[in-house]
């Protein structure tokens, strides 16, 4: 704990510019906030009295330094964070231009409702389905998802948030293999969904089957541009074989006529 006290002491004078320390059983994270102006969203250079990233790494080598300045990573940062956006997208207005996706580990940070902290009148909670889709889309970008929940004044989490976590946990119990420890898949994110991959398996997450064009038989057809030989296509849940055919640049997969699952997952090998 001495390291934490050292950090708090040495950066005390610059804390008003937004150094936040996140402490968990797995280590430390330092996130610098408000390096943009609220009016223009442009990057601001503050008169830091020390090289904060170097200082933190020296005091606590296991600490990850992340940005929240909505731009390209700065020297000394370990991860690239996209606030309320998927990596490489700009839908929330936090930045004036899309930040280039770097080769650093990526993370999307989002709130379960509308606030980072607790606000008793903020009942605009995302549905479980929306949270699941966000988790999947983040994974399809090869990124981690940080889901923020503002605790109540008594320190407890809101009942709605706990219910969302329970339902999300039920989904990850069934589908976790397609998310945990995966990389972005071979097919870039599409209007219909995303792909992830792990251990020689390509997981195809169909989130919006309505975006697919029906084939001759009326069933939606999913075209996957793949440059490797496909041996099988199966449903992740149940393992049933799925009809597919080779095309000039990959495969065409015939999906069920009606898909009701939040995430219909195929396994391509």
C-alpha atoms as a PDB file:
ATOM      1  CA  UNK A   1       0.000   0.000   0.000  1.00  0.00           C
ATOM      2  CA  UNK A   2       3.022   2.313   0.318  1.00  0.00           C
ATOM      3  CA  UNK A   3       3.112   2.649  -3.450  1.00  0.00           C
ATOM      4  CA  UNK A   4      -0.436   3.959  -3.538  1.00  0.00           C
ATOM      5  CA  UNK A   5       0.364   6.549  -0.877  1.00  0.00           C
ATOM      6  CA  UNK A   6       3.470   7.590  -2.805  1.00  0.00           C
ATOM      7  CA  UNK A   7       1.431   8.067  -5.975  1.00  0.00           C
ATOM      8  CA  UNK A   8      -1.253  10.024  -4.145  1.00  0.00           C
ATOM      9  CA  UNK A   9       1.403  12.261  -2.603  1.00  0.00           C
ATOM     10  CA  UNK A  10       3.430  12.930  -5.735  1.00  0.00           C
ATOM     11  CA  UNK A  11       0.503  13.713  -8.044  1.00  0.00           C
ATOM     12  CA  UNK A  12      -1.636  15.534  -5.492  1.00  0.00           C
ATOM     13  CA  UNK A  13      -1.102  18.904  -7.156  1.00  0.00           C
ATOM     14  CA  UNK A  14      -2.322  17.605 -10.527  1.00  0.00           C
ATOM     15  CA  UNK A  15      -5.275  15.557  -9.289  1.00  0.00           C
ATOM     16  CA  UNK A  16      -7.733  18.282 -10.231  1.00  0.00           C
ATOM     17  CA  UNK A  17      -7.047  17.321 -13.832  1.00  0.00           C
ATOM     18  CA  UNK A  18      -8.433  13.884 -13.254  1.00  0.00           C
ATOM     19  CA  UNK A  19      -6.058  11.112 -12.158  1.00  0.00           C
ATOM     20  CA  UNK A  20      -8.153   8.160 -11.045  1.00  0.00           C
ATOM     21  CA  UNK A  21      -6.700   4.995  -9.523  1.00  0.00           C
ATOM     22  CA  UNK A  22      -8.627   1.749  -9.900  1.00  0.00           C
ATOM     23  CA  UNK A  23      -7.544  -0.929  -7.451  1.00  0.00           C
ATOM     24  CA  UNK A  24      -8.541  -4.582  -7.707  1.00  0.00           C
ATOM     25  CA  UNK A  25      -7.252  -7.960  -6.646  1.00  0.00           C
ATOM     26  CA  UNK A  26      -5.552  -8.259 -10.025  1.00  0.00           C
ATOM     27  CA  UNK A  27      -3.592  -5.019  -9.863  1.00  0.00           C
ATOM     28  CA  UNK A  28      -3.869  -1.325 -10.494  1.00  0.00           C
ATOM     29  CA  UNK A  29      -5.141   0.918 -13.269  1.00  0.00           C
ATOM     30  CA  UNK A  30      -4.567   4.625 -13.615  1.00  0.00           C
ATOM     31  CA  UNK A  31      -6.863   6.592 -15.923  1.00  0.00           C
ATOM     32  CA  UNK A  32      -6.301  10.262 -16.709  1.00  0.00           C
ATOM     33  CA  UNK A  33      -9.534  12.154 -17.290  1.00  0.00           C
ATOM     34  CA  UNK A  34     -10.369  15.560 -18.741  1.00  0.00           C
ATOM     35  CA  UNK A  35      -7.465  16.006 -21.102  1.00  0.00           C
ATOM     36  CA  UNK A  36      -9.950  17.572 -23.483  1.00  0.00           C
ATOM     37  CA  UNK A  37     -11.933  20.752 -23.051  1.00  0.00           C
ATOM     38  CA  UNK A  38     -15.657  20.268 -22.526  1.00  0.00           C
ATOM     39  CA  UNK A  39     -16.429  23.030 -25.013  1.00  0.00           C
ATOM     40  CA  UNK A  40     -14.286  22.046 -27.979  1.00  0.00           C
ATOM     41  CA  UNK A  41     -13.368  18.401 -27.205  1.00  0.00           C
ATOM     42  CA  UNK A  42      -9.845  19.269 -28.293  1.00  0.00           C
ATOM     43  CA  UNK A  43      -6.776  17.880 -26.570  1.00  0.00           C
ATOM     44  CA  UNK A  44      -5.280  20.118 -23.911  1.00  0.00           C
ATOM     45  CA  UNK A  45      -1.695  20.080 -22.685  1.00  0.00           C
ATOM     46  CA  UNK A  46      -1.675  20.664 -18.940  1.00  0.00           C
ATOM     47  CA  UNK A  47       1.414  21.868 -17.052  1.00  0.00           C
ATOM     48  CA  UNK A  48       2.146  18.549 -15.384  1.00  0.00           C
ATOM     49  CA  UNK A  49       4.903  18.869 -12.811  1.00  0.00           C
ATOM     50  CA  UNK A  50       6.164  15.331 -13.475  1.00  0.00           C
ATOM     51  CA  UNK A  51       6.016  12.580 -16.079  1.00  0.00           C
ATOM     52  CA  UNK A  52       2.991  10.938 -14.518  1.00  0.00           C
ATOM     53  CA  UNK A  53       3.096   7.710 -16.550  1.00  0.00           C
ATOM     54  CA  UNK A  54       6.783   7.166 -15.819  1.00  0.00           C
ATOM     55  CA  UNK A  55       6.182   7.921 -12.143  1.00  0.00           C
ATOM     56  CA  UNK A  56       3.334   5.446 -11.849  1.00  0.00           C
ATOM     57  CA  UNK A  57       5.236   2.691 -13.661  1.00  0.00           C
ATOM     58  CA  UNK A  58       8.234   3.273 -11.435  1.00  0.00           C
ATOM     59  CA  UNK A  59       6.209   3.082  -8.240  1.00  0.00           C
ATOM     60  CA  UNK A  60       3.940   0.272  -9.368  1.00  0.00           C
ATOM     61  CA  UNK A  61       5.200  -1.588 -12.487  1.00  0.00           C
ATOM     62  CA  UNK A  62       2.029  -3.697 -12.654  1.00  0.00           C
ATOM     63  CA  UNK A  63      -0.209  -0.636 -12.938  1.00  0.00           C
ATOM     64  CA  UNK A  64      -1.835  -0.052 -16.333  1.00  0.00           C
ATOM     65  CA  UNK A  65      -2.040   3.560 -17.483  1.00  0.00           C
ATOM     66  CA  UNK A  66      -5.006   4.323 -19.708  1.00  0.00           C
ATOM     67  CA  UNK A  67      -6.270   7.406 -21.482  1.00  0.00           C
ATOM     68  CA  UNK A  68      -9.594   9.153 -21.440  1.00  0.00           C
ATOM     69  CA  UNK A  69      -8.673  12.003 -23.736  1.00  0.00           C
ATOM     70  CA  UNK A  70     -10.499  10.667 -26.803  1.00  0.00           C
ATOM     71  CA  UNK A  71      -7.453  10.729 -29.033  1.00  0.00           C
ATOM     72  CA  UNK A  72      -4.433   8.691 -30.053  1.00  0.00           C
ATOM     73  CA  UNK A  73      -2.469   7.189 -27.138  1.00  0.00           C
ATOM     74  CA  UNK A  74       0.237   9.302 -25.557  1.00  0.00           C
ATOM     75  CA  UNK A  75       3.701   8.110 -24.660  1.00  0.00           C
ATOM     76  CA  UNK A  76       3.667   5.904 -21.571  1.00  0.00           C
ATOM     77  CA  UNK A  77       0.058   4.762 -21.862  1.00  0.00           C
ATOM     78  CA  UNK A  78      -0.564   1.004 -21.783  1.00  0.00           C
ATOM     79  CA  UNK A  79      -4.122   0.725 -23.103  1.00  0.00           C
ATOM     80  CA  UNK A  80      -6.338   2.734 -25.435  1.00  0.00           C
ATOM     81  CA  UNK A  81      -9.783   3.569 -24.096  1.00  0.00           C
ATOM     82  CA  UNK A  82     -12.874   4.570 -26.051  1.00  0.00           C
ATOM     83  CA  UNK A  83     -15.497   6.190 -23.830  1.00  0.00           C
ATOM     84  CA  UNK A  84     -19.032   5.139 -24.715  1.00  0.00           C
ATOM     85  CA  UNK A  85     -17.919   4.087 -28.183  1.00  0.00           C
ATOM     86  CA  UNK A  86     -16.557   1.035 -29.906  1.00  0.00           C
ATOM     87  CA  UNK A  87     -12.912   1.304 -30.991  1.00  0.00           C
ATOM     88  CA  UNK A  88     -12.576   3.438 -34.097  1.00  0.00           C
ATOM     89  CA  UNK A  89     -16.125   4.806 -33.946  1.00  0.00           C
ATOM     90  CA  UNK A  90     -17.431   8.249 -33.065  1.00  0.00           C
ATOM     91  CA  UNK A  91     -21.111   8.211 -32.158  1.00  0.00           C
ATOM     92  CA  UNK A  92     -21.261  10.060 -28.826  1.00  0.00           C
ATOM     93  CA  UNK A  93     -19.573  13.365 -29.630  1.00  0.00           C
ATOM     94  CA  UNK A  94     -16.736  13.100 -27.130  1.00  0.00           C
ATOM     95  CA  UNK A  95     -14.175  13.791 -29.852  1.00  0.00           C
ATOM     96  CA  UNK A  96     -14.124  15.946 -32.969  1.00  0.00           C
ATOM     97  CA  UNK A  97     -12.529  13.185 -35.036  1.00  0.00           C
ATOM     98  CA  UNK A  98     -12.243   9.428 -34.869  1.00  0.00           C
ATOM     99  CA  UNK A  99      -9.190   8.347 -32.906  1.00  0.00           C
ATOM    100  CA  UNK A 100      -6.971   5.968 -34.830  1.00  0.00           C
ATOM    101  CA  UNK A 101      -7.054   2.492 -33.328  1.00  0.00           C
ATOM    102  CA  UNK A 102      -3.585   1.710 -32.042  1.00  0.00           C
ATOM    103  CA  UNK A 103      -1.826  -1.603 -31.484  1.00  0.00           C
ATOM    104  CA  UNK A 104      -2.251  -1.244 -27.718  1.00  0.00           C
ATOM    105  CA  UNK A 105      -4.848  -3.348 -25.892  1.00  0.00           C
ATOM    106  CA  UNK A 106      -8.256  -1.767 -26.470  1.00  0.00           C
ATOM    107  CA  UNK A 107     -11.168  -1.058 -24.160  1.00  0.00           C
ATOM    108  CA  UNK A 108     -14.659   0.349 -24.457  1.00  0.00           C
ATOM    109  CA  UNK A 109     -15.975   1.905 -21.240  1.00  0.00           C
ATOM    110  CA  UNK A 110     -19.712   2.427 -20.842  1.00  0.00           C
ATOM    111  CA  UNK A 111     -22.276   2.981 -18.116  1.00  0.00           C
ATOM    112  CA  UNK A 112     -25.167   0.663 -17.346  1.00  0.00           C
ATOM    113  CA  UNK A 113     -27.533   3.625 -17.253  1.00  0.00           C
ATOM    114  CA  UNK A 114     -26.836   7.263 -18.091  1.00  0.00           C
ATOM    115  CA  UNK A 115     -24.451   8.336 -15.337  1.00  0.00           C
ATOM    116  CA  UNK A 116     -20.935   7.377 -14.241  1.00  0.00           C
ATOM    117  CA  UNK A 117     -21.884   8.065 -10.639  1.00  0.00           C
ATOM    118  CA  UNK A 118     -25.166   7.511  -8.786  1.00  0.00           C
ATOM    119  CA  UNK A 119     -28.214   9.631  -9.533  1.00  0.00           C
ATOM    120  CA  UNK A 120     -31.467   8.560  -7.924  1.00  0.00           C
ATOM    121  CA  UNK A 121     -33.572   9.805 -10.863  1.00  0.00           C
ATOM    122  CA  UNK A 122     -31.465   8.054 -13.519  1.00  0.00           C
ATOM    123  CA  UNK A 123     -33.512   4.964 -14.341  1.00  0.00           C
ATOM    124  CA  UNK A 124     -32.442   4.853 -17.979  1.00  0.00           C
ATOM    125  CA  UNK A 125     -30.856   1.409 -17.638  1.00  0.00           C
ATOM    126  CA  UNK A 126     -29.801  -0.461 -20.731  1.00  0.00           C
ATOM    127  CA  UNK A 127     -31.687  -3.677 -21.307  1.00  0.00           C
ATOM    128  CA  UNK A 128     -29.907  -6.977 -20.776  1.00  0.00           C
ATOM    129  CA  UNK A 129     -30.112  -7.601 -24.518  1.00  0.00           C
ATOM    130  CA  UNK A 130     -28.420  -4.264 -25.246  1.00  0.00           C
ATOM    131  CA  UNK A 131     -25.636  -5.003 -22.764  1.00  0.00           C
ATOM    132  CA  UNK A 132     -25.092  -8.425 -24.311  1.00  0.00           C
ATOM    133  CA  UNK A 133     -24.904  -6.898 -27.784  1.00  0.00           C
ATOM    134  CA  UNK A 134     -22.428  -4.290 -26.559  1.00  0.00           C
ATOM    135  CA  UNK A 135     -20.232  -6.994 -25.018  1.00  0.00           C
ATOM    136  CA  UNK A 136     -20.295  -8.960 -28.269  1.00  0.00           C
ATOM    137  CA  UNK A 137     -19.578  -5.958 -30.486  1.00  0.00           C
ATOM    138  CA  UNK A 138     -16.700  -4.933 -28.228  1.00  0.00           C
ATOM    139  CA  UNK A 139     -15.234  -8.436 -28.432  1.00  0.00           C
ATOM    140  CA  UNK A 140     -15.687  -8.360 -32.200  1.00  0.00           C
ATOM    141  CA  UNK A 141     -13.359  -5.345 -32.201  1.00  0.00           C
ATOM    142  CA  UNK A 142     -10.790  -7.248 -30.143  1.00  0.00           C
ATOM    143  CA  UNK A 143     -11.456  -5.029 -27.139  1.00  0.00           C
ATOM    144  CA  UNK A 144     -12.297  -5.353 -23.461  1.00  0.00           C
ATOM    145  CA  UNK A 145     -15.569  -3.972 -22.064  1.00  0.00           C
ATOM    146  CA  UNK A 146     -15.655  -1.955 -18.846  1.00  0.00           C
ATOM    147  CA  UNK A 147     -19.244  -1.666 -17.603  1.00  0.00           C
ATOM    148  CA  UNK A 148     -19.670   1.027 -14.965  1.00  0.00           C
ATOM    149  CA  UNK A 149     -22.296   0.916 -12.218  1.00  0.00           C
ATOM    150  CA  UNK A 150     -22.784   3.847  -9.855  1.00  0.00           C
ATOM    151  CA  UNK A 151     -23.277   2.573  -6.273  1.00  0.00           C
ATOM    152  CA  UNK A 152     -26.023   3.937  -4.047  1.00  0.00           C
ATOM    153  CA  UNK A 153     -25.175   6.255  -1.116  1.00  0.00           C
ATOM    154  CA  UNK A 154     -25.186   3.217   1.218  1.00  0.00           C
ATOM    155  CA  UNK A 155     -22.560   1.495  -0.920  1.00  0.00           C
ATOM    156  CA  UNK A 156     -24.903  -1.124  -2.341  1.00  0.00           C
ATOM    157  CA  UNK A 157     -25.532  -1.612  -6.051  1.00  0.00           C
ATOM    158  CA  UNK A 158     -29.003  -0.742  -7.361  1.00  0.00           C
ATOM    159  CA  UNK A 159     -31.395  -3.685  -7.634  1.00  0.00           C
ATOM    160  CA  UNK A 160     -31.860  -3.085 -11.359  1.00  0.00           C
ATOM    161  CA  UNK A 161     -28.096  -3.270 -11.930  1.00  0.00           C
ATOM    162  CA  UNK A 162     -27.855  -6.514  -9.946  1.00  0.00           C
ATOM    163  CA  UNK A 163     -30.649  -8.016 -12.037  1.00  0.00           C
ATOM    164  CA  UNK A 164     -28.862  -7.000 -15.248  1.00  0.00           C
ATOM    165  CA  UNK A 165     -25.631  -8.592 -13.976  1.00  0.00           C
ATOM    166  CA  UNK A 166     -27.478 -11.793 -13.070  1.00  0.00           C
ATOM    167  CA  UNK A 167     -29.013 -12.068 -16.519  1.00  0.00           C
ATOM    168  CA  UNK A 168     -25.721 -11.195 -18.213  1.00  0.00           C
ATOM    169  CA  UNK A 169     -24.059 -13.895 -16.122  1.00  0.00           C
ATOM    170  CA  UNK A 170     -26.627 -16.434 -17.285  1.00  0.00           C
ATOM    171  CA  UNK A 171     -25.830 -15.548 -20.878  1.00  0.00           C
ATOM    172  CA  UNK A 172     -22.052 -15.739 -20.396  1.00  0.00           C
ATOM    173  CA  UNK A 173     -22.459 -19.103 -18.668  1.00  0.00           C
ATOM    174  CA  UNK A 174     -23.872 -20.413 -21.930  1.00  0.00           C
ATOM    175  CA  UNK A 175     -21.872 -18.369 -24.442  1.00  0.00           C
ATOM    176  CA  UNK A 176     -18.710 -17.388 -22.549  1.00  0.00           C
ATOM    177  CA  UNK A 177     -16.479 -19.557 -24.730  1.00  0.00           C
ATOM    178  CA  UNK A 178     -17.266 -17.297 -27.696  1.00  0.00           C
ATOM    179  CA  UNK A 179     -16.209 -14.169 -25.761  1.00  0.00           C
ATOM    180  CA  UNK A 180     -13.627 -14.871 -23.053  1.00  0.00           C
ATOM    181  CA  UNK A 181     -10.042 -14.992 -24.273  1.00  0.00           C
ATOM    182  CA  UNK A 182     -10.992 -14.386 -27.885  1.00  0.00           C
ATOM    183  CA  UNK A 183      -9.517 -12.098 -30.523  1.00  0.00           C
ATOM    184  CA  UNK A 184     -11.327 -10.161 -33.217  1.00  0.00           C
ATOM    185  CA  UNK A 185     -12.444 -12.617 -35.882  1.00  0.00           C
ATOM    186  CA  UNK A 186     -11.384 -12.960 -39.516  1.00  0.00           C
ATOM    187  CA  UNK A 187     -14.465 -11.101 -40.747  1.00  0.00           C
ATOM    188  CA  UNK A 188     -14.646  -7.405 -39.893  1.00  0.00           C
ATOM    189  CA  UNK A 189     -17.767  -6.155 -38.068  1.00  0.00           C
ATOM    190  CA  UNK A 190     -20.773  -6.016 -40.363  1.00  0.00           C
ATOM    191  CA  UNK A 191     -24.338  -4.657 -40.063  1.00  0.00           C
ATOM    192  CA  UNK A 192     -25.503  -8.212 -39.257  1.00  0.00           C
ATOM    193  CA  UNK A 193     -22.957  -8.772 -36.458  1.00  0.00           C
ATOM    194  CA  UNK A 194     -19.340  -9.611 -35.665  1.00  0.00           C
ATOM    195  CA  UNK A 195     -16.913 -12.505 -35.401  1.00  0.00           C
ATOM    196  CA  UNK A 196     -14.506 -13.641 -32.700  1.00  0.00           C
ATOM    197  CA  UNK A 197     -11.941 -16.422 -32.755  1.00  0.00           C
ATOM    198  CA  UNK A 198     -10.092 -18.734 -30.399  1.00  0.00           C
ATOM    199  CA  UNK A 199      -8.314 -22.098 -30.582  1.00  0.00           C
ATOM    200  CA  UNK A 200      -8.878 -22.585 -34.311  1.00  0.00           C
ATOM    201  CA  UNK A 201     -12.581 -21.737 -34.120  1.00  0.00           C
ATOM    202  CA  UNK A 202     -14.295 -18.777 -35.750  1.00  0.00           C
ATOM    203  CA  UNK A 203     -17.385 -17.716 -33.797  1.00  0.00           C
ATOM    204  CA  UNK A 204     -19.925 -15.902 -35.942  1.00  0.00           C
ATOM    205  CA  UNK A 205     -22.290 -13.733 -33.898  1.00  0.00           C
ATOM    206  CA  UNK A 206     -25.451 -12.890 -35.840  1.00  0.00           C
ATOM    207  CA  UNK A 207     -27.012  -9.958 -33.991  1.00  0.00           C
ATOM    208  CA  UNK A 208     -29.225  -8.488 -36.717  1.00  0.00           C
ATOM    209  CA  UNK A 209     -30.464 -11.231 -39.096  1.00  0.00           C
ATOM    210  CA  UNK A 210     -32.835  -8.708 -40.643  1.00  0.00           C
ATOM    211  CA  UNK A 211     -29.786  -7.185 -42.356  1.00  0.00           C
ATOM    212  CA  UNK A 212     -29.230 -10.383 -44.364  1.00  0.00           C
ATOM    213  CA  UNK A 213     -30.654 -10.987 -47.825  1.00  0.00           C
ATOM    214  CA  UNK A 214     -32.985 -14.003 -48.173  1.00  0.00           C
ATOM    215  CA  UNK A 215     -31.876 -16.776 -50.518  1.00  0.00           C
ATOM    216  CA  UNK A 216     -33.960 -18.636 -53.079  1.00  0.00           C
ATOM    217  CA  UNK A 217     -35.687 -20.654 -50.374  1.00  0.00           C
ATOM    218  CA  UNK A 218     -36.523 -17.593 -48.297  1.00  0.00           C
ATOM    219  CA  UNK A 219     -33.945 -18.294 -45.606  1.00  0.00           C
ATOM    220  CA  UNK A 220     -31.405 -15.557 -44.870  1.00  0.00           C
ATOM    221  CA  UNK A 221     -27.966 -16.214 -46.348  1.00  0.00           C
ATOM    222  CA  UNK A 222     -24.779 -15.142 -44.605  1.00  0.00           C
ATOM    223  CA  UNK A 223     -21.730 -14.572 -46.815  1.00  0.00           C
ATOM    224  CA  UNK A 224     -18.387 -14.948 -45.054  1.00  0.00           C
ATOM    225  CA  UNK A 225     -15.260 -13.888 -46.984  1.00  0.00           C
ATOM    226  CA  UNK A 226     -12.716 -16.429 -45.749  1.00  0.00           C
ATOM    227  CA  UNK A 227      -9.378 -17.327 -47.327  1.00  0.00           C
ATOM    228  CA  UNK A 228      -8.994 -20.692 -45.597  1.00  0.00           C
ATOM    229  CA  UNK A 229     -10.624 -24.063 -46.170  1.00  0.00           C
ATOM    230  CA  UNK A 230     -13.801 -24.551 -44.169  1.00  0.00           C
ATOM    231  CA  UNK A 231     -14.436 -28.059 -42.850  1.00  0.00           C
ATOM    232  CA  UNK A 232     -17.655 -27.506 -40.913  1.00  0.00           C
ATOM    233  CA  UNK A 233     -20.267 -24.979 -39.828  1.00  0.00           C
ATOM    234  CA  UNK A 234     -22.317 -25.782 -36.735  1.00  0.00           C
ATOM    235  CA  UNK A 235     -24.592 -24.016 -34.286  1.00  0.00           C
ATOM    236  CA  UNK A 236     -22.748 -23.148 -31.075  1.00  0.00           C
ATOM    237  CA  UNK A 237     -25.730 -24.160 -28.953  1.00  0.00           C
ATOM    238  CA  UNK A 238     -26.554 -27.777 -29.646  1.00  0.00           C
ATOM    239  CA  UNK A 239     -23.889 -28.384 -32.303  1.00  0.00           C
ATOM    240  CA  UNK A 240     -26.327 -28.969 -35.170  1.00  0.00           C
ATOM    241  CA  UNK A 241     -24.779 -28.863 -38.637  1.00  0.00           C
ATOM    242  CA  UNK A 242     -25.624 -25.829 -40.741  1.00  0.00           C
ATOM    243  CA  UNK A 243     -25.918 -25.867 -44.528  1.00  0.00           C
ATOM    244  CA  UNK A 244     -23.251 -23.920 -46.413  1.00  0.00           C
ATOM    245  CA  UNK A 245     -21.675 -23.784 -49.835  1.00  0.00           C
ATOM    246  CA  UNK A 246     -18.373 -22.546 -51.144  1.00  0.00           C
ATOM    247  CA  UNK A 247     -18.184 -19.275 -53.038  1.00  0.00           C
ATOM    248  CA  UNK A 248     -15.427 -17.601 -55.015  1.00  0.00           C
ATOM    249  CA  UNK A 249     -14.168 -15.774 -51.925  1.00  0.00           C
ATOM    250  CA  UNK A 250     -15.412 -17.800 -48.956  1.00  0.00           C
ATOM    251  CA  UNK A 251     -18.666 -19.491 -48.003  1.00  0.00           C
ATOM    252  CA  UNK A 252     -22.404 -18.795 -48.010  1.00  0.00           C
ATOM    253  CA  UNK A 253     -24.245 -20.048 -44.940  1.00  0.00           C
ATOM    254  CA  UNK A 254     -27.981 -20.726 -44.994  1.00  0.00           C
ATOM    255  CA  UNK A 255     -29.496 -19.619 -41.689  1.00  0.00           C
ATOM    256  CA  UNK A 256     -32.823 -20.547 -40.105  1.00  0.00           C
ATOM    257  CA  UNK A 257     -35.764 -18.586 -41.447  1.00  0.00           C
ATOM    258  CA  UNK A 258     -36.583 -17.236 -37.995  1.00  0.00           C
ATOM    259  CA  UNK A 259     -33.927 -16.301 -35.438  1.00  0.00           C
ATOM    260  CA  UNK A 260     -35.177 -15.171 -32.032  1.00  0.00           C
ATOM    261  CA  UNK A 261     -31.991 -15.367 -29.930  1.00  0.00           C
ATOM    262  CA  UNK A 262     -30.265 -12.119 -28.969  1.00  0.00           C
ATOM    263  CA  UNK A 263     -27.106 -13.648 -30.427  1.00  0.00           C
ATOM    264  CA  UNK A 264     -27.270 -16.557 -32.866  1.00  0.00           C
ATOM    265  CA  UNK A 265     -23.780 -18.054 -32.854  1.00  0.00           C
ATOM    266  CA  UNK A 266     -22.174 -20.286 -35.458  1.00  0.00           C
ATOM    267  CA  UNK A 267     -18.873 -22.130 -35.148  1.00  0.00           C
ATOM    268  CA  UNK A 268     -16.822 -22.277 -38.337  1.00  0.00           C
ATOM    269  CA  UNK A 269     -13.844 -24.634 -38.507  1.00  0.00           C
END
